[in-house]
Amino acid sequence: MNKFIRFVFILFYLLGMMAIYLSTVDKYDVIYDMDPMIYQGSLINNSNNGKVLSGVILFLILISQMTFFYFEKSRKWRWATGIMTVVACLFFSLYERDLEF
């Protein structure tokens, strides 16, 4: 596979992982740091839009990694594709269950 195309797939993967993290993090976390009178978790965020968005991003990552696996000739990069897919699924499941690292 062309090195540029390989780079694009890996860049898309990394940007997708960052988007999953940013869509599942508490958006009011900065406010808690700015004002000590507001307690952690006191502002309610009932929106599930971040969870839906992170699920869509995970789906796009999985599709792109399957495409990368299909067109890649190198055995080493095929293993890397499989590992990146498993890491993305684990990352998604950890953040969707609100577990701490």
C-alpha atoms as a PDB file:
ATOM      1  CA  MET A   1       0.000   0.000   0.000  1.00  0.00           C
ATOM      2  CA  ASN A   2       1.181   3.504  -0.710  1.00  0.00           C
ATOM      3  CA  LYS A   3       2.865   5.205   2.264  1.00  0.00           C
ATOM      4  CA  PHE A   4       0.699   8.298   1.913  1.00  0.00           C
ATOM      5  CA  ILE A   5      -2.519   6.265   2.051  1.00  0.00           C
ATOM      6  CA  ARG A   6      -1.189   4.349   5.058  1.00  0.00           C
ATOM      7  CA  PHE A   7      -0.408   7.678   6.742  1.00  0.00           C
ATOM      8  CA  VAL A   8      -3.938   8.946   6.025  1.00  0.00           C
ATOM      9  CA  PHE A   9      -5.498   5.825   7.580  1.00  0.00           C
ATOM     10  CA  ILE A  10      -3.370   6.118  10.710  1.00  0.00           C
ATOM     11  CA  LEU A  11      -4.051   9.851  10.986  1.00  0.00           C
ATOM     12  CA  PHE A  12      -7.798   9.220  10.653  1.00  0.00           C
ATOM     13  CA  TYR A  13      -7.526   6.586  13.389  1.00  0.00           C
ATOM     14  CA  LEU A  14      -5.731   8.943  15.771  1.00  0.00           C
ATOM     15  CA  LEU A  15      -8.135  11.808  15.101  1.00  0.00           C
ATOM     16  CA  GLY A  16     -11.060   9.449  15.634  1.00  0.00           C
ATOM     17  CA  MET A  17      -9.657   8.295  18.962  1.00  0.00           C
ATOM     18  CA  MET A  18      -9.230  11.903  20.037  1.00  0.00           C
ATOM     19  CA  ALA A  19     -12.801  12.699  18.958  1.00  0.00           C
ATOM     20  CA  ILE A  20     -14.135   9.752  20.990  1.00  0.00           C
ATOM     21  CA  TYR A  21     -12.333  11.083  24.046  1.00  0.00           C
ATOM     22  CA  LEU A  22     -13.508  14.654  23.545  1.00  0.00           C
ATOM     23  CA  SER A  23     -17.128  13.650  22.943  1.00  0.00           C
ATOM     24  CA  THR A  24     -17.351  11.594  26.147  1.00  0.00           C
ATOM     25  CA  VAL A  25     -15.555  13.921  28.578  1.00  0.00           C
ATOM     26  CA  ASP A  26     -17.571  16.109  30.988  1.00  0.00           C
ATOM     27  CA  LYS A  27     -17.988  19.485  29.320  1.00  0.00           C
ATOM     28  CA  TYR A  28     -18.492  21.225  32.672  1.00  0.00           C
ATOM     29  CA  ASP A  29     -15.146  20.053  34.066  1.00  0.00           C
ATOM     30  CA  VAL A  30     -13.535  23.461  33.463  1.00  0.00           C
ATOM     31  CA  ILE A  31     -16.239  25.208  35.499  1.00  0.00           C
ATOM     32  CA  TYR A  32     -15.533  22.989  38.501  1.00  0.00           C
ATOM     33  CA  ASP A  33     -11.875  24.009  38.360  1.00  0.00           C
ATOM     34  CA  MET A  34     -12.648  27.720  38.024  1.00  0.00           C
ATOM     35  CA  ASP A  35     -15.124  28.020  40.886  1.00  0.00           C
ATOM     36  CA  PRO A  36     -14.468  25.951  44.042  1.00  0.00           C
ATOM     37  CA  MET A  37     -18.027  26.622  45.289  1.00  0.00           C
ATOM     38  CA  ILE A  38     -19.475  24.430  42.536  1.00  0.00           C
ATOM     39  CA  TYR A  39     -19.026  20.800  43.512  1.00  0.00           C
ATOM     40  CA  GLN A  40     -17.813  18.129  41.095  1.00  0.00           C
ATOM     41  CA  GLY A  41     -20.792  16.575  39.309  1.00  0.00           C
ATOM     42  CA  SER A  42     -23.335  19.121  40.559  1.00  0.00           C
ATOM     43  CA  LEU A  43     -24.196  20.304  37.053  1.00  0.00           C
ATOM     44  CA  ILE A  44     -26.361  17.718  35.351  1.00  0.00           C
ATOM     45  CA  ASN A  45     -25.554  16.702  31.800  1.00  0.00           C
ATOM     46  CA  ASN A  46     -28.401  14.441  30.634  1.00  0.00           C
ATOM     47  CA  SER A  47     -27.558  14.670  26.968  1.00  0.00           C
ATOM     48  CA  ASN A  48     -26.536  11.433  25.269  1.00  0.00           C
ATOM     49  CA  ASN A  49     -25.316  13.206  22.149  1.00  0.00           C
ATOM     50  CA  GLY A  50     -21.673  12.585  23.052  1.00  0.00           C
ATOM     51  CA  LYS A  51     -22.294   8.862  23.424  1.00  0.00           C
ATOM     52  CA  VAL A  52     -24.072   8.676  20.094  1.00  0.00           C
ATOM     53  CA  LEU A  53     -21.340  10.683  18.388  1.00  0.00           C
ATOM     54  CA  SER A  54     -18.611   8.498  19.862  1.00  0.00           C
ATOM     55  CA  GLY A  55     -20.463   5.393  18.648  1.00  0.00           C
ATOM     56  CA  VAL A  56     -20.644   6.792  15.124  1.00  0.00           C
ATOM     57  CA  ILE A  57     -16.948   7.670  15.243  1.00  0.00           C
ATOM     58  CA  LEU A  58     -16.112   4.157  16.438  1.00  0.00           C
ATOM     59  CA  PHE A  59     -18.122   2.738  13.543  1.00  0.00           C
ATOM     60  CA  LEU A  60     -16.201   4.916  11.081  1.00  0.00           C
ATOM     61  CA  ILE A  61     -12.897   3.831  12.646  1.00  0.00           C
ATOM     62  CA  LEU A  62     -13.887   0.175  12.328  1.00  0.00           C
ATOM     63  CA  ILE A  63     -14.884   0.608   8.669  1.00  0.00           C
ATOM     64  CA  SER A  64     -11.640   2.417   7.855  1.00  0.00           C
ATOM     65  CA  GLN A  65      -9.539  -0.209   9.644  1.00  0.00           C
ATOM     66  CA  MET A  66     -11.312  -3.032   7.791  1.00  0.00           C
ATOM     67  CA  THR A  67     -10.594  -1.233   4.511  1.00  0.00           C
ATOM     68  CA  PHE A  68      -6.981  -0.735   5.562  1.00  0.00           C
ATOM     69  CA  PHE A  69      -6.703  -4.448   6.432  1.00  0.00           C
ATOM     70  CA  TYR A  70      -8.228  -5.521   3.128  1.00  0.00           C
ATOM     71  CA  PHE A  71      -5.902  -3.482   0.918  1.00  0.00           C
ATOM     72  CA  GLU A  72      -2.723  -3.874   2.964  1.00  0.00           C
ATOM     73  CA  LYS A  73      -0.218  -6.437   1.689  1.00  0.00           C
ATOM     74  CA  SER A  74       2.259  -6.341   4.572  1.00  0.00           C
ATOM     75  CA  ARG A  75       1.663  -8.851   7.350  1.00  0.00           C
ATOM     76  CA  LYS A  76       3.132  -6.467   9.939  1.00  0.00           C
ATOM     77  CA  TRP A  77       0.654  -3.708   9.101  1.00  0.00           C
ATOM     78  CA  ARG A  78      -2.235  -6.167   9.106  1.00  0.00           C
ATOM     79  CA  TRP A  79      -1.352  -7.042  12.710  1.00  0.00           C
ATOM     80  CA  ALA A  80      -1.096  -3.341  13.538  1.00  0.00           C
ATOM     81  CA  THR A  81      -4.563  -2.796  12.061  1.00  0.00           C
ATOM     82  CA  GLY A  82      -6.021  -5.529  14.245  1.00  0.00           C
ATOM     83  CA  ILE A  83      -4.372  -4.151  17.360  1.00  0.00           C
ATOM     84  CA  MET A  84      -5.559  -0.605  16.610  1.00  0.00           C
ATOM     85  CA  THR A  85      -9.125  -1.877  16.143  1.00  0.00           C
ATOM     86  CA  VAL A  86      -9.091  -3.707  19.475  1.00  0.00           C
ATOM     87  CA  VAL A  87      -7.632  -0.654  21.241  1.00  0.00           C
ATOM     88  CA  ALA A  88     -10.352   1.577  19.759  1.00  0.00           C
ATOM     89  CA  CYS A  89     -13.085  -0.798  20.960  1.00  0.00           C
ATOM     90  CA  LEU A  90     -11.574  -0.994  24.455  1.00  0.00           C
ATOM     91  CA  PHE A  91     -11.150   2.780  24.598  1.00  0.00           C
ATOM     92  CA  PHE A  92     -14.767   3.259  23.565  1.00  0.00           C
ATOM     93  CA  SER A  93     -16.092   0.744  26.086  1.00  0.00           C
ATOM     94  CA  LEU A  94     -14.059   2.214  28.952  1.00  0.00           C
ATOM     95  CA  TYR A  95     -15.264   5.734  28.326  1.00  0.00           C
ATOM     96  CA  GLU A  96     -18.866   4.730  27.740  1.00  0.00           C
ATOM     97  CA  ARG A  97     -19.000   3.071  31.144  1.00  0.00           C
ATOM     98  CA  ASP A  98     -17.440   6.148  32.787  1.00  0.00           C
ATOM     99  CA  LEU A  99     -14.543   4.169  34.219  1.00  0.00           C
ATOM    100  CA  GLU A 100     -11.359   5.879  35.270  1.00  0.00           C
ATOM    101  CA  PHE A 101      -8.021   4.782  33.925  1.00  0.00           C
END
